[in-house]
C-alpha atoms as a PDB file:
ATOM      1  CA  MET A   1     -28.952 -38.204  34.870  1.00  0.00           C
ATOM      2  CA  LYS A   2     -25.746 -37.449  36.761  1.00  0.00           C
ATOM      3  CA  LYS A   3     -25.768 -34.410  39.019  1.00  0.00           C
ATOM      4  CA  ILE A   4     -23.030 -31.877  38.291  1.00  0.00           C
ATOM      5  CA  LEU A   5     -21.568 -29.976  41.231  1.00  0.00           C
ATOM      6  CA  TYR A   6     -20.038 -26.588  40.587  1.00  0.00           C
ATOM      7  CA  THR A   7     -17.944 -26.186  43.694  1.00  0.00           C
ATOM      8  CA  LYS A   8     -14.431 -25.641  42.406  1.00  0.00           C
ATOM      9  CA  PHE A   9     -14.754 -22.035  41.307  1.00  0.00           C
ATOM     10  CA  LYS A  10     -11.584 -20.012  41.244  1.00  0.00           C
ATOM     11  CA  ASN A  11     -11.376 -16.621  42.851  1.00  0.00           C
ATOM     12  CA  ILE A  12     -10.535 -13.788  40.435  1.00  0.00           C
ATOM     13  CA  ASP A  13      -7.369 -13.082  42.454  1.00  0.00           C
ATOM     14  CA  GLU A  14      -6.193 -16.654  41.822  1.00  0.00           C
ATOM     15  CA  ILE A  15      -6.857 -16.331  38.100  1.00  0.00           C
ATOM     16  CA  ILE A  16      -4.929 -13.048  37.882  1.00  0.00           C
ATOM     17  CA  ALA A  17      -2.048 -14.515  39.888  1.00  0.00           C
ATOM     18  CA  GLU A  18      -1.867 -17.498  37.512  1.00  0.00           C
ATOM     19  CA  MET A  19      -1.896 -15.215  34.478  1.00  0.00           C
ATOM     20  CA  ALA A  20       0.775 -12.950  35.961  1.00  0.00           C
ATOM     21  CA  LYS A  21       3.127 -15.958  36.162  1.00  0.00           C
ATOM     22  CA  GLN A  22       3.184 -16.207  32.370  1.00  0.00           C
ATOM     23  CA  ALA A  23       6.184 -14.449  30.827  1.00  0.00           C
ATOM     24  CA  VAL A  24       4.162 -13.073  27.925  1.00  0.00           C
ATOM     25  CA  ILE A  25       1.652 -11.448  30.269  1.00  0.00           C
ATOM     26  CA  ARG A  26       4.392  -9.985  32.494  1.00  0.00           C
ATOM     27  CA  LYS A  27       6.127  -8.544  29.435  1.00  0.00           C
ATOM     28  CA  ALA A  28       2.890  -6.980  28.164  1.00  0.00           C
ATOM     29  CA  MET A  29       2.169  -5.453  31.576  1.00  0.00           C
ATOM     30  CA  THR A  30       5.669  -3.978  31.755  1.00  0.00           C
ATOM     31  CA  ARG A  31       5.338  -2.475  28.276  1.00  0.00           C
ATOM     32  CA  ALA A  32       1.948  -1.032  29.178  1.00  0.00           C
ATOM     33  CA  ASN A  33       3.468   0.566  32.274  1.00  0.00           C
ATOM     34  CA  LEU A  34       6.233   2.107  30.188  1.00  0.00           C
ATOM     35  CA  CYS A  35       3.653   3.615  27.826  1.00  0.00           C
ATOM     36  CA  LYS A  36       1.971   5.332  30.757  1.00  0.00           C
ATOM     37  CA  PHE A  37       5.062   7.515  31.177  1.00  0.00           C
ATOM     38  CA  TRP A  38       4.848   8.980  27.655  1.00  0.00           C
ATOM     39  CA  ASN A  39       2.928  12.052  28.861  1.00  0.00           C
ATOM     40  CA  LYS A  40       5.670  12.899  31.365  1.00  0.00           C
ATOM     41  CA  VAL A  41       8.460  12.270  28.897  1.00  0.00           C
ATOM     42  CA  ALA A  42       6.967  14.069  25.893  1.00  0.00           C
ATOM     43  CA  GLY A  43       5.474  17.023  27.721  1.00  0.00           C
ATOM     44  CA  GLU A  44       1.919  18.331  27.558  1.00  0.00           C
ATOM     45  CA  LYS A  45       2.149  19.798  24.030  1.00  0.00           C
ATOM     46  CA  PHE A  46       3.323  16.572  22.431  1.00  0.00           C
ATOM     47  CA  ALA A  47       1.315  14.254  24.691  1.00  0.00           C
ATOM     48  CA  GLN A  48      -1.891  15.688  23.223  1.00  0.00           C
ATOM     49  CA  ASN A  49      -0.708  15.047  19.661  1.00  0.00           C
ATOM     50  CA  SER A  50       1.057  11.707  20.027  1.00  0.00           C
ATOM     51  CA  LYS A  51       0.711   8.436  21.917  1.00  0.00           C
ATOM     52  CA  PRO A  52       2.571   5.141  22.220  1.00  0.00           C
ATOM     53  CA  TYR A  53       1.366   2.665  19.612  1.00  0.00           C
ATOM     54  CA  SER A  54       3.465  -0.480  20.006  1.00  0.00           C
ATOM     55  CA  MET A  55       6.844  -1.997  20.757  1.00  0.00           C
ATOM     56  CA  ILE A  56       8.790  -3.749  18.026  1.00  0.00           C
ATOM     57  CA  LYS A  57      11.840  -5.976  18.303  1.00  0.00           C
ATOM     58  CA  GLY A  58      11.534  -5.731  22.067  1.00  0.00           C
ATOM     59  CA  SER A  59      13.230  -2.375  22.450  1.00  0.00           C
ATOM     60  CA  ILE A  60      11.849   0.047  19.838  1.00  0.00           C
ATOM     61  CA  MET A  61       8.779   2.071  20.779  1.00  0.00           C
ATOM     62  CA  VAL A  62       6.502   3.194  17.953  1.00  0.00           C
ATOM     63  CA  ILE A  63       4.738   6.483  18.635  1.00  0.00           C
ATOM     64  CA  ALA A  64       1.585   7.373  16.706  1.00  0.00           C
ATOM     65  CA  CYS A  65       1.527  11.071  15.807  1.00  0.00           C
ATOM     66  CA  LYS A  66      -1.460  13.200  14.896  1.00  0.00           C
ATOM     67  CA  THR A  67       0.303  14.864  11.952  1.00  0.00           C
ATOM     68  CA  PRO A  68       3.564  14.444  10.060  1.00  0.00           C
ATOM     69  CA  VAL A  69       4.688  17.778  11.508  1.00  0.00           C
ATOM     70  CA  VAL A  70       4.391  16.399  15.050  1.00  0.00           C
ATOM     71  CA  ALA A  71       6.307  13.289  13.969  1.00  0.00           C
ATOM     72  CA  GLN A  72       9.089  15.458  12.529  1.00  0.00           C
ATOM     73  CA  GLU A  73       9.324  17.628  15.654  1.00  0.00           C
ATOM     74  CA  LEU A  74       9.512  14.551  17.858  1.00  0.00           C
ATOM     75  CA  MET A  75      12.125  13.028  15.581  1.00  0.00           C
ATOM     76  CA  LEU A  76      14.296  16.096  16.147  1.00  0.00           C
ATOM     77  CA  LYS A  77      13.892  15.608  19.925  1.00  0.00           C
ATOM     78  CA  LYS A  78      14.470  11.846  19.880  1.00  0.00           C
ATOM     79  CA  THR A  79      17.764  11.928  21.802  1.00  0.00           C
ATOM     80  CA  GLN A  80      16.262  14.120  24.532  1.00  0.00           C
ATOM     81  CA  LEU A  81      13.214  11.850  24.767  1.00  0.00           C
ATOM     82  CA  LEU A  82      15.373   8.745  25.150  1.00  0.00           C
ATOM     83  CA  VAL A  83      17.323  10.439  27.948  1.00  0.00           C
ATOM     84  CA  ARG A  84      14.059  11.387  29.710  1.00  0.00           C
ATOM     85  CA  PHE A  85      12.781   7.827  29.322  1.00  0.00           C
ATOM     86  CA  LYS A  86      15.933   6.319  30.832  1.00  0.00           C
ATOM     87  CA  PRO A  87      14.911   6.383  34.542  1.00  0.00           C
ATOM     88  CA  TYR A  88      11.520   4.835  33.761  1.00  0.00           C
ATOM     89  CA  VAL A  89      13.048   2.161  31.543  1.00  0.00           C
ATOM     90  CA  GLU A  90      15.634   1.261  34.172  1.00  0.00           C
ATOM     91  CA  SER A  91      13.051   1.072  36.948  1.00  0.00           C
ATOM     92  CA  LEU A  92      11.020  -1.387  34.848  1.00  0.00           C
ATOM     93  CA  ASN A  93      14.120  -3.440  33.946  1.00  0.00           C
ATOM     94  CA  MET A  94      13.564  -2.910  30.230  1.00  0.00           C
ATOM     95  CA  LYS A  95      15.532  -1.862  27.190  1.00  0.00           C
ATOM     96  CA  LEU A  96      14.532   1.059  24.999  1.00  0.00           C
ATOM     97  CA  THR A  97      16.970   1.634  22.167  1.00  0.00           C
ATOM     98  CA  ASP A  98      14.965   3.722  19.720  1.00  0.00           C
ATOM     99  CA  LEU A  99      11.782   5.668  19.118  1.00  0.00           C
ATOM    100  CA  ARG A 100       9.919   5.620  15.810  1.00  0.00           C
ATOM    101  CA  PHE A 101       7.314   8.234  14.969  1.00  0.00           C
ATOM    102  CA  ASP A 102       4.507   7.425  12.546  1.00  0.00           C
ATOM    103  CA  ALA A 103       1.621   9.709  11.558  1.00  0.00           C
ATOM    104  CA  LYS A 104      -0.130   6.862   9.702  1.00  0.00           C
ATOM    105  CA  LYS A 105      -0.849   4.977  12.920  1.00  0.00           C
ATOM    106  CA  TRP A 106      -2.834   7.781  14.574  1.00  0.00           C
ATOM    107  CA  VAL A 107      -6.439   6.996  15.491  1.00  0.00           C
ATOM    108  CA  ASP A 108      -8.616   9.573  17.266  1.00  0.00           C
ATOM    109  CA  ASP A 109     -10.004   8.213  20.538  1.00  0.00           C
ATOM    110  CA  GLU A 110     -13.468   9.604  19.752  1.00  0.00           C
ATOM    111  CA  THR A 111     -13.710   7.715  16.444  1.00  0.00           C
ATOM    112  CA  SER A 112     -12.408   4.428  17.842  1.00  0.00           C
ATOM    113  CA  GLN A 113     -15.149   4.089  20.457  1.00  0.00           C
END
C-alpha cells in the first residue's frame, strides 16, 4: 500500500486571500458592508423594525419590514434615506439607485435560530 503524505496544507489566511480574489466574493463582501450601515441610516426606531434583506439588479436594496406600517413610513422617507446612504455607497464604490420595502420578507431573529 502506498503511503500518503499530507504535507501541503494551506493556511486559512491563504484560503481567504484566494477567495477574496474572486469577483463574486468581493461583491458579496461589499454588499454585506453596505448593509451594516442600515442602522445608522434608518435611525434607531426604524432599525429595530426593519433590516436589509437583499440586493436586486445590482443597485436596488430590499429592506424587510416588521409590519406594513413600517414599510409605508420608510417609503415616505425613501429620498432622505438614499441621501443618508450616499456617503457610505460612495466610500464602497457602489451604486444604490432605489430602496424597496417589503413586510412579507420579515423573519424574527429568535424564530430563525
